[in-house]
Amino acid sequence: MKVLLINGSPRRNGCTVRGLKEIETVLHNEGVETAWVNVPADCPSCMACNYCYSNGECVRKDVVNEALKTFKECDGLIVGTPVYYAGASGSLMSFLDRFFYSKNESFNMKAAAAISSSRRAGNLTSNDMITKFFSISGMNVITSTYWNDVHGFSAEDVEKDEEGLQTMRNIGHNMAYYLKMRKLAKENGLADPIVEKGKSTHFIR
């Protein structure tokens, strides 16, 4: 069992990473491996060129393709973002647009969770922005016991956010539990649900 942790903050040792590391500690204690991807601050956005539809990867040979390759070997995904003007970071949204648009069947039934780091507010909007990617990709959203957020200006501040860190740990426990259930289901012959494909309509037809 393995989970991909995506850090959407340009700060490699900031509040968002501190939250992700709290989850990672629990996952490791539960016997779940982890891999990391740090989203570059200058991550380019999707060009809607549809190259990925024909080639199975993004036309830009960068961190998105590397993350997709890593995620094929993973059972779960946790995405973290700082809060910028009541929303997720722009570089992370560019990354996720391309990451999920280039997706394949490997996303279906995998576990996913979103976390955010904020000073006071904007965390709900940020988490919603990320979670929508999971819900339209056949993923199972892992919940916790409160809003998936840590507070502070620095990683040291986050250390004082006892409830936030508790929330992160509960995400880790719930993620590990789901992964173990899915593994047990596969070992006992329970296949993933059938996924229908092929229908793609718009409001004209």
Protein backbone atom coordinates (compact mmCIF):
# COMPACT_ATOMS: atom_id res chain seq x y z
CA MET A 1 0.00 0.00 0.00
CA LYS A 2 1.29 3.40 -0.97
CA VAL A 3 0.04 7.00 -0.89
CA LEU A 4 1.21 9.94 -2.99
CA LEU A 5 1.52 13.22 -1.07
CA ILE A 6 1.34 16.35 -3.24
CA ASN A 7 2.61 19.59 -1.74
CA GLY A 8 1.02 22.57 -3.49
CA SER A 9 3.01 25.14 -1.53
CA PRO A 10 6.21 26.78 -2.82
CA ARG A 11 7.52 26.52 0.74
CA ARG A 12 9.10 23.12 1.22
CA ASN A 13 9.10 23.31 5.02
CA GLY A 14 6.04 25.43 5.68
CA CYS A 15 2.62 24.91 7.21
CA THR A 16 1.22 22.78 4.38
CA VAL A 17 4.14 20.37 4.52
CA ARG A 18 3.85 20.18 8.30
CA GLY A 19 0.24 19.06 7.94
CA LEU A 20 1.14 16.49 5.31
CA LYS A 21 3.96 15.14 7.46
CA GLU A 22 1.56 14.59 10.36
CA ILE A 23 -0.51 12.40 8.07
CA GLU A 24 2.59 10.66 6.73
CA THR A 25 3.72 9.67 10.23
CA VAL A 26 0.41 7.92 10.85
CA LEU A 27 0.50 6.19 7.46
CA HIS A 28 3.99 4.86 8.12
CA ASN A 29 2.91 3.61 11.55
CA GLU A 30 0.01 1.83 9.83
CA GLY A 31 2.37 0.13 7.37
CA VAL A 32 1.59 2.40 4.39
CA GLU A 33 4.42 3.71 2.21
CA THR A 34 4.49 7.27 0.87
CA ALA A 35 5.93 9.21 -2.06
CA TRP A 36 6.18 13.00 -2.44
CA VAL A 37 5.69 15.50 -5.23
CA ASN A 38 6.43 19.20 -4.74
CA VAL A 39 4.54 21.36 -7.24
CA PRO A 40 6.81 24.05 -8.76
CA ALA A 41 5.71 27.64 -8.19
CA ASP A 42 5.81 28.20 -11.95
CA CYS A 43 3.85 25.08 -12.96
CA PRO A 44 2.31 25.84 -16.39
CA SER A 45 -1.41 25.50 -16.96
CA CYS A 46 -3.29 23.18 -19.32
CA MET A 47 -3.37 24.27 -22.99
CA ALA A 48 -6.37 22.07 -23.90
CA CYS A 49 -4.33 20.59 -26.76
CA ASN A 50 -5.66 17.04 -26.08
CA TYR A 51 -2.17 15.57 -26.57
CA CYS A 52 -2.71 13.45 -23.46
CA TYR A 53 -5.75 11.74 -25.01
CA SER A 54 -3.63 10.24 -27.78
CA ASN A 55 -0.36 9.77 -25.94
CA GLY A 56 -1.27 8.94 -22.36
CA GLU A 57 0.77 11.78 -20.92
CA CYS A 58 0.91 15.57 -20.93
CA VAL A 59 2.67 17.29 -23.83
CA ARG A 60 4.77 19.18 -21.29
CA LYS A 61 7.47 16.79 -20.09
CA ASP A 62 7.56 17.97 -16.49
CA VAL A 63 6.45 17.20 -12.94
CA VAL A 64 2.90 16.27 -14.01
CA ASN A 65 4.07 13.27 -16.03
CA GLU A 66 6.44 12.27 -13.25
CA ALA A 67 3.57 12.42 -10.75
CA LEU A 68 1.27 10.39 -13.01
CA LYS A 69 3.90 7.67 -13.33
CA THR A 70 4.36 7.56 -9.55
CA PHE A 71 0.63 7.53 -8.91
CA LYS A 72 0.11 4.42 -11.02
CA GLU A 73 1.92 2.54 -8.25
CA CYS A 74 -0.09 4.19 -5.46
CA ASP A 75 -3.37 3.35 -3.79
CA GLY A 76 -4.15 6.79 -2.42
CA LEU A 77 -3.58 10.50 -2.88
CA ILE A 78 -3.38 13.43 -0.47
CA VAL A 79 -3.17 16.96 -1.84
CA GLY A 80 -2.16 19.91 0.33
CA THR A 81 -2.40 23.63 -0.43
CA PRO A 82 -1.83 26.95 1.27
CA VAL A 83 -4.79 29.34 1.18
CA TYR A 84 -4.34 32.29 -1.21
CA TYR A 85 -7.24 34.78 -1.23
CA ALA A 86 -9.71 32.15 0.00
CA GLY A 87 -8.58 29.62 -2.60
CA ALA A 88 -5.96 27.03 -3.42
CA SER A 89 -2.61 28.11 -4.86
CA GLY A 90 -2.61 28.89 -8.59
CA SER A 91 0.34 26.63 -9.33
CA LEU A 92 -1.41 23.69 -7.65
CA MET A 93 -4.61 24.26 -9.63
CA SER A 94 -2.61 24.32 -12.87
CA PHE A 95 -0.95 21.08 -11.80
CA LEU A 96 -4.26 19.40 -10.90
CA ASP A 97 -5.97 20.50 -14.12
CA ARG A 98 -3.29 18.68 -16.10
CA PHE A 99 -2.82 15.78 -13.69
CA PHE A 100 -6.49 14.85 -13.71
CA TYR A 101 -7.14 15.65 -17.37
CA SER A 102 -4.35 13.23 -18.27
CA LYS A 103 -5.77 10.56 -15.97
CA ASN A 104 -6.52 6.95 -16.82
CA GLU A 105 -8.43 4.10 -15.16
CA SER A 106 -5.83 3.91 -12.37
CA PHE A 107 -7.70 6.73 -10.56
CA ASN A 108 -10.89 4.74 -10.08
CA MET A 109 -11.66 3.63 -6.49
CA LYS A 110 -8.37 4.96 -5.17
CA ALA A 111 -8.52 6.97 -1.94
CA ALA A 112 -8.05 10.74 -1.86
CA ALA A 113 -8.04 13.60 0.64
CA ALA A 114 -7.41 17.35 0.47
CA ILE A 115 -5.87 19.48 3.22
CA SER A 116 -5.17 23.19 3.47
CA SER A 117 -3.17 25.62 5.55
CA SER A 118 -4.65 28.99 6.41
CA ARG A 119 -4.16 31.90 8.77
CA ARG A 120 -7.85 32.15 9.66
CA ALA A 121 -10.25 31.45 6.79
CA GLY A 122 -10.53 30.31 3.17
CA ASN A 123 -9.82 26.69 3.98
CA LEU A 124 -13.29 25.39 3.10
CA THR A 125 -13.19 26.92 -0.37
CA SER A 126 -9.66 25.63 -0.95
CA ASN A 127 -10.56 22.09 0.06
CA ASP A 128 -13.68 22.17 -2.11
CA MET A 129 -11.61 23.29 -5.11
CA ILE A 130 -9.40 20.23 -4.74
CA THR A 131 -12.02 17.67 -3.74
CA LYS A 132 -14.01 18.21 -6.95
CA PHE A 133 -11.17 16.54 -8.88
CA PHE A 134 -11.58 13.42 -6.76
CA SER A 135 -15.36 13.20 -6.98
CA ILE A 136 -15.50 13.21 -10.80
CA SER A 137 -12.67 10.69 -11.12
CA GLY A 138 -14.25 7.76 -9.31
CA MET A 139 -12.10 8.23 -6.21
CA ASN A 140 -13.20 7.67 -2.63
CA VAL A 141 -12.86 10.81 -0.52
CA ILE A 142 -11.34 10.18 2.89
CA THR A 143 -12.85 12.23 5.69
CA SER A 144 -11.70 13.25 9.16
CA THR A 145 -13.27 14.64 12.34
CA TYR A 146 -13.25 18.35 11.44
CA TRP A 147 -12.29 20.63 8.54
CA ASN A 148 -9.08 19.40 6.91
CA ASP A 149 -7.03 22.44 7.85
CA VAL A 150 -4.06 23.53 9.94
CA HIS A 151 -3.53 27.13 11.05
CA GLY A 152 -0.46 29.32 11.33
CA PHE A 153 2.12 31.48 9.60
CA SER A 154 4.91 28.92 10.03
CA ALA A 155 5.46 25.24 10.71
CA GLU A 156 6.22 26.22 14.31
CA ASP A 157 2.77 27.82 14.58
CA VAL A 158 1.16 24.64 13.30
CA GLU A 159 2.76 22.74 16.18
CA LYS A 160 0.44 24.72 18.50
CA ASP A 161 -2.67 23.84 16.49
CA GLU A 162 -3.53 20.72 18.44
CA GLU A 163 -6.93 20.24 16.82
CA GLY A 164 -5.55 20.75 13.34
CA LEU A 165 -2.84 18.15 13.87
CA GLN A 166 -5.41 15.79 15.38
CA THR A 167 -7.50 16.22 12.25
CA MET A 168 -4.46 15.35 10.12
CA ARG A 169 -3.81 12.20 12.14
CA ASN A 170 -7.41 11.09 11.75
CA ILE A 171 -7.10 11.51 7.98
CA GLY A 172 -4.09 9.22 8.14
CA HIS A 173 -5.92 6.59 10.20
CA ASN A 174 -8.98 6.70 7.95
CA MET A 175 -6.85 6.53 4.81
CA ALA A 176 -4.95 3.49 6.12
CA TYR A 177 -8.21 1.79 7.13
CA TYR A 178 -9.73 2.25 3.67
CA LEU A 179 -6.59 0.97 1.94
CA LYS A 180 -6.57 -2.12 4.14
CA MET A 181 -10.26 -2.76 3.44
CA ARG A 182 -9.71 -2.46 -0.30
CA LYS A 183 -6.71 -4.79 -0.12
CA LEU A 184 -8.75 -7.31 1.86
CA ALA A 185 -11.59 -7.08 -0.66
CA LYS A 186 -9.25 -7.82 -3.56
CA GLU A 187 -7.70 -10.76 -1.71
CA ASN A 188 -11.19 -12.21 -1.24
CA GLY A 189 -12.22 -11.85 -4.87
CA LEU A 190 -14.34 -8.70 -4.60
CA ALA A 191 -13.66 -6.71 -7.78
CA ASP A 192 -14.00 -2.96 -8.14
CA PRO A 193 -17.38 -1.71 -9.42
CA ILE A 194 -18.02 -1.67 -13.16
CA VAL A 195 -17.36 1.74 -14.69
CA GLU A 196 -19.42 2.71 -17.70
CA LYS A 197 -17.62 4.73 -20.37
CA GLY A 198 -18.33 6.30 -23.72
CA LYS A 199 -21.15 8.78 -23.11
CA SER A 200 -20.11 12.42 -23.39
CA THR A 201 -22.84 14.96 -24.00
CA HIS A 202 -23.32 18.70 -23.65
CA PHE A 203 -26.36 20.97 -23.48
CA ILE A 204 -26.81 21.10 -27.27
CA ARG A 205 -27.12 17.36 -27.83
